[in-house]
Amino acid sequence: MGKIIKYLLLSIAAVLGLAIASVVVVFAYLAFDEYRFVWRSPLAAGLPPEFGVADSVFQKRVRERFPLGSSAVELVKELEREGFTSNNAFGDSFWQRDAVAWPNTLFLTPGPGWSFPCRLVWIVVWNSDAAAQITAIDANYHGICL
């Protein structure tokens, strides 16, 4: 009877060890993916932890990098190179209802779950003239946290 209990306890310990190891691997992967994601976009990287301050810093970075009169074509190329896309991963969110496409808008999102416990998104919106020069530009950084 003692051997059965010993083997049962060893089996439980092994299962718990595998579960803990799996959780550690998943969190390590998520942390690496988050690091790789933010590193890809210099505009989004290294923002302050407070959303209000980070939003202002992100907005300033975008406006300095793409001042009025600069090329909208270059803006799109560079933002896409940094991972921005016209697809909003959070179509159900307050900033884009019913996944309606917004013209001249690019989003950067780490994807659902990748920024847990917050849902993060960086948005760049602009207008351009017939010569494809930027006539207005705005940028926002949002996070909805648990």
C-alpha atoms as a PDB file:
ATOM      1  CA  MET A   1       0.000   0.000   0.000  1.00  0.00           C
ATOM      2  CA  GLY A   2       2.894   2.374   0.808  1.00  0.00           C
ATOM      3  CA  LYS A   3       4.412   1.834  -2.655  1.00  0.00           C
ATOM      4  CA  ILE A   4       1.114   2.703  -4.337  1.00  0.00           C
ATOM      5  CA  ILE A   5       0.863   5.968  -2.406  1.00  0.00           C
ATOM      6  CA  LYS A   6       4.519   6.726  -3.176  1.00  0.00           C
ATOM      7  CA  TYR A   7       3.984   6.161  -6.928  1.00  0.00           C
ATOM      8  CA  LEU A   8       0.746   8.127  -6.836  1.00  0.00           C
ATOM      9  CA  LEU A   9       2.495  11.086  -5.185  1.00  0.00           C
ATOM     10  CA  LEU A  10       5.376  10.861  -7.663  1.00  0.00           C
ATOM     11  CA  SER A  11       2.902  10.817 -10.563  1.00  0.00           C
ATOM     12  CA  ILE A  12       1.081  13.859  -9.205  1.00  0.00           C
ATOM     13  CA  ALA A  13       4.410  15.676  -8.732  1.00  0.00           C
ATOM     14  CA  ALA A  14       5.448  14.816 -12.306  1.00  0.00           C
ATOM     15  CA  VAL A  15       2.154  16.098 -13.738  1.00  0.00           C
ATOM     16  CA  LEU A  16       2.401  19.287 -11.685  1.00  0.00           C
ATOM     17  CA  GLY A  17       6.021  19.739 -12.792  1.00  0.00           C
ATOM     18  CA  LEU A  18       5.024  19.383 -16.443  1.00  0.00           C
ATOM     19  CA  ALA A  19       2.150  21.842 -15.982  1.00  0.00           C
ATOM     20  CA  ILE A  20       4.424  24.410 -14.334  1.00  0.00           C
ATOM     21  CA  ALA A  21       7.076  23.945 -17.027  1.00  0.00           C
ATOM     22  CA  SER A  22       4.426  24.439 -19.719  1.00  0.00           C
ATOM     23  CA  VAL A  23       3.195  27.657 -18.115  1.00  0.00           C
ATOM     24  CA  VAL A  24       6.775  28.965 -17.859  1.00  0.00           C
ATOM     25  CA  VAL A  25       7.413  28.167 -21.538  1.00  0.00           C
ATOM     26  CA  VAL A  26       4.194  29.923 -22.613  1.00  0.00           C
ATOM     27  CA  PHE A  27       4.984  33.055 -20.579  1.00  0.00           C
ATOM     28  CA  ALA A  28       8.575  33.105 -21.853  1.00  0.00           C
ATOM     29  CA  TYR A  29       7.307  32.886 -25.429  1.00  0.00           C
ATOM     30  CA  LEU A  30       4.785  35.674 -24.837  1.00  0.00           C
ATOM     31  CA  ALA A  31       7.444  37.879 -23.261  1.00  0.00           C
ATOM     32  CA  PHE A  32       9.819  37.256 -26.170  1.00  0.00           C
ATOM     33  CA  ASP A  33       7.072  37.899 -28.709  1.00  0.00           C
ATOM     34  CA  GLU A  34       6.139  41.157 -26.951  1.00  0.00           C
ATOM     35  CA  TYR A  35       9.788  42.253 -26.956  1.00  0.00           C
ATOM     36  CA  ARG A  36      10.187  41.339 -30.628  1.00  0.00           C
ATOM     37  CA  PHE A  37       6.927  43.127 -31.495  1.00  0.00           C
ATOM     38  CA  VAL A  38       7.796  46.430 -29.819  1.00  0.00           C
ATOM     39  CA  TRP A  39      11.404  46.315 -31.023  1.00  0.00           C
ATOM     40  CA  ARG A  40      10.101  46.183 -34.597  1.00  0.00           C
ATOM     41  CA  SER A  41       8.530  49.658 -34.331  1.00  0.00           C
ATOM     42  CA  PRO A  42      10.780  52.489 -33.140  1.00  0.00           C
ATOM     43  CA  LEU A  43       7.698  54.736 -33.012  1.00  0.00           C
ATOM     44  CA  ALA A  44       5.981  52.394 -30.532  1.00  0.00           C
ATOM     45  CA  ALA A  45       8.997  51.214 -28.523  1.00  0.00           C
ATOM     46  CA  GLY A  46       9.948  52.464 -25.087  1.00  0.00           C
ATOM     47  CA  LEU A  47       6.842  54.487 -24.310  1.00  0.00           C
ATOM     48  CA  PRO A  48       6.202  55.528 -20.685  1.00  0.00           C
ATOM     49  CA  PRO A  49       3.962  53.174 -18.669  1.00  0.00           C
ATOM     50  CA  GLU A  50       1.183  55.752 -18.107  1.00  0.00           C
ATOM     51  CA  PHE A  51      -1.195  55.663 -21.091  1.00  0.00           C
ATOM     52  CA  GLY A  52      -1.872  59.414 -21.126  1.00  0.00           C
ATOM     53  CA  VAL A  53       1.822  60.300 -21.175  1.00  0.00           C
ATOM     54  CA  ALA A  54       2.617  57.483 -23.626  1.00  0.00           C
ATOM     55  CA  ASP A  55      -0.124  58.715 -25.970  1.00  0.00           C
ATOM     56  CA  SER A  56       1.428  62.210 -26.016  1.00  0.00           C
ATOM     57  CA  VAL A  57       4.928  60.824 -26.617  1.00  0.00           C
ATOM     58  CA  PHE A  58       3.712  58.559 -29.437  1.00  0.00           C
ATOM     59  CA  GLN A  59       1.789  61.440 -31.023  1.00  0.00           C
ATOM     60  CA  LYS A  60       4.893  63.666 -30.873  1.00  0.00           C
ATOM     61  CA  ARG A  61       7.102  60.938 -32.408  1.00  0.00           C
ATOM     62  CA  VAL A  62       4.712  60.437 -35.321  1.00  0.00           C
ATOM     63  CA  ARG A  63       4.300  64.161 -36.003  1.00  0.00           C
ATOM     64  CA  GLU A  64       8.073  64.737 -35.883  1.00  0.00           C
ATOM     65  CA  ARG A  65       8.791  61.769 -38.153  1.00  0.00           C
ATOM     66  CA  PHE A  66       6.009  62.654 -40.634  1.00  0.00           C
ATOM     67  CA  PRO A  67       5.553  66.449 -40.587  1.00  0.00           C
ATOM     68  CA  LEU A  68       2.874  68.184 -42.633  1.00  0.00           C
ATOM     69  CA  GLY A  69       3.896  68.293 -46.291  1.00  0.00           C
ATOM     70  CA  SER A  70       5.833  65.030 -46.168  1.00  0.00           C
ATOM     71  CA  SER A  71       4.984  62.095 -48.409  1.00  0.00           C
ATOM     72  CA  ALA A  72       1.940  60.029 -47.453  1.00  0.00           C
ATOM     73  CA  VAL A  73       3.330  57.221 -49.613  1.00  0.00           C
ATOM     74  CA  GLU A  74       6.518  57.147 -47.521  1.00  0.00           C
ATOM     75  CA  LEU A  75       4.446  57.265 -44.330  1.00  0.00           C
ATOM     76  CA  VAL A  76       2.546  54.147 -45.399  1.00  0.00           C
ATOM     77  CA  LYS A  77       5.723  52.324 -46.498  1.00  0.00           C
ATOM     78  CA  GLU A  78       7.533  53.042 -43.254  1.00  0.00           C
ATOM     79  CA  LEU A  79       4.604  52.240 -40.984  1.00  0.00           C
ATOM     80  CA  GLU A  80       3.962  48.972 -42.817  1.00  0.00           C
ATOM     81  CA  ARG A  81       7.666  48.117 -42.483  1.00  0.00           C
ATOM     82  CA  GLU A  82       7.256  48.659 -38.729  1.00  0.00           C
ATOM     83  CA  GLY A  83       4.265  46.308 -38.583  1.00  0.00           C
ATOM     84  CA  PHE A  84       1.332  48.704 -38.933  1.00  0.00           C
ATOM     85  CA  THR A  85      -1.588  47.450 -40.988  1.00  0.00           C
ATOM     86  CA  SER A  86      -5.024  48.600 -42.093  1.00  0.00           C
ATOM     87  CA  ASN A  87      -6.515  45.618 -40.251  1.00  0.00           C
ATOM     88  CA  ASN A  88      -7.555  46.380 -36.695  1.00  0.00           C
ATOM     89  CA  ALA A  89      -7.275  43.235 -34.605  1.00  0.00           C
ATOM     90  CA  PHE A  90      -9.904  44.699 -32.260  1.00  0.00           C
ATOM     91  CA  GLY A  91     -12.820  45.416 -34.603  1.00  0.00           C
ATOM     92  CA  ASP A  92     -15.193  45.188 -31.655  1.00  0.00           C
ATOM     93  CA  SER A  93     -13.465  47.976 -29.768  1.00  0.00           C
ATOM     94  CA  PHE A  94     -14.633  51.505 -29.110  1.00  0.00           C
ATOM     95  CA  TRP A  95     -12.318  53.030 -31.718  1.00  0.00           C
ATOM     96  CA  GLN A  96     -13.564  50.971 -34.646  1.00  0.00           C
ATOM     97  CA  ARG A  97     -17.136  49.702 -34.515  1.00  0.00           C
ATOM     98  CA  ASP A  98     -18.209  46.740 -36.656  1.00  0.00           C
ATOM     99  CA  ALA A  99     -14.717  46.499 -38.239  1.00  0.00           C
ATOM    100  CA  VAL A 100     -15.503  49.346 -40.642  1.00  0.00           C
ATOM    101  CA  ALA A 101     -12.433  50.236 -42.673  1.00  0.00           C
ATOM    102  CA  TRP A 102     -11.158  53.740 -42.038  1.00  0.00           C
ATOM    103  CA  PRO A 103      -9.413  55.447 -44.934  1.00  0.00           C
ATOM    104  CA  ASN A 104      -5.870  56.661 -44.252  1.00  0.00           C
ATOM    105  CA  THR A 105      -5.613  54.785 -40.969  1.00  0.00           C
ATOM    106  CA  LEU A 106      -2.982  52.251 -39.944  1.00  0.00           C
ATOM    107  CA  PHE A 107      -3.028  50.204 -36.741  1.00  0.00           C
ATOM    108  CA  LEU A 108      -0.292  48.458 -34.824  1.00  0.00           C
ATOM    109  CA  THR A 109      -1.570  45.746 -32.517  1.00  0.00           C
ATOM    110  CA  PRO A 110       0.288  42.873 -30.907  1.00  0.00           C
ATOM    111  CA  GLY A 111      -2.804  40.758 -31.496  1.00  0.00           C
ATOM    112  CA  PRO A 112      -5.418  39.428 -29.101  1.00  0.00           C
ATOM    113  CA  GLY A 113      -3.820  38.030 -25.988  1.00  0.00           C
ATOM    114  CA  TRP A 114      -0.300  39.181 -26.746  1.00  0.00           C
ATOM    115  CA  SER A 115      -0.519  42.255 -24.550  1.00  0.00           C
ATOM    116  CA  PHE A 116      -2.441  40.672 -21.647  1.00  0.00           C
ATOM    117  CA  PRO A 117      -3.724  42.049 -19.267  1.00  0.00           C
ATOM    118  CA  CYS A 118      -4.202  45.036 -21.578  1.00  0.00           C
ATOM    119  CA  ARG A 119      -5.434  45.323 -25.150  1.00  0.00           C
ATOM    120  CA  LEU A 120      -2.967  47.664 -26.826  1.00  0.00           C
ATOM    121  CA  VAL A 121      -3.229  49.505 -30.126  1.00  0.00           C
ATOM    122  CA  TRP A 122      -1.282  52.280 -31.788  1.00  0.00           C
ATOM    123  CA  ILE A 123      -3.203  54.262 -34.441  1.00  0.00           C
ATOM    124  CA  VAL A 124      -1.970  56.715 -37.072  1.00  0.00           C
ATOM    125  CA  VAL A 125      -4.572  58.709 -39.045  1.00  0.00           C
ATOM    126  CA  TRP A 126      -3.789  61.253 -41.752  1.00  0.00           C
ATOM    127  CA  ASN A 127      -5.178  63.241 -44.656  1.00  0.00           C
ATOM    128  CA  SER A 128      -3.282  63.973 -47.828  1.00  0.00           C
ATOM    129  CA  ASP A 129      -3.748  66.165 -50.880  1.00  0.00           C
ATOM    130  CA  ALA A 130      -3.781  65.237 -54.577  1.00  0.00           C
ATOM    131  CA  ALA A 131       0.042  65.239 -54.591  1.00  0.00           C
ATOM    132  CA  ALA A 132       0.042  62.645 -51.763  1.00  0.00           C
ATOM    133  CA  GLN A 133       1.482  65.112 -49.264  1.00  0.00           C
ATOM    134  CA  ILE A 134       0.299  64.920 -45.672  1.00  0.00           C
ATOM    135  CA  THR A 135      -2.094  67.769 -44.831  1.00  0.00           C
ATOM    136  CA  ALA A 136      -3.130  66.534 -41.366  1.00  0.00           C
ATOM    137  CA  ILE A 137      -1.858  63.754 -39.105  1.00  0.00           C
ATOM    138  CA  ASP A 138      -2.832  62.372 -35.723  1.00  0.00           C
ATOM    139  CA  ALA A 139      -1.664  59.425 -33.654  1.00  0.00           C
ATOM    140  CA  ASN A 140      -3.086  57.661 -30.618  1.00  0.00           C
ATOM    141  CA  TYR A 141      -1.953  54.944 -28.268  1.00  0.00           C
ATOM    142  CA  HIS A 142      -4.699  53.116 -26.370  1.00  0.00           C
ATOM    143  CA  GLY A 143      -4.827  50.396 -23.813  1.00  0.00           C
ATOM    144  CA  ILE A 144      -7.826  48.775 -22.217  1.00  0.00           C
ATOM    145  CA  CYS A 145      -6.714  46.878 -19.131  1.00  0.00           C
ATOM    146  CA  LEU A 146      -8.392  44.439 -16.776  1.00  0.00           C
END
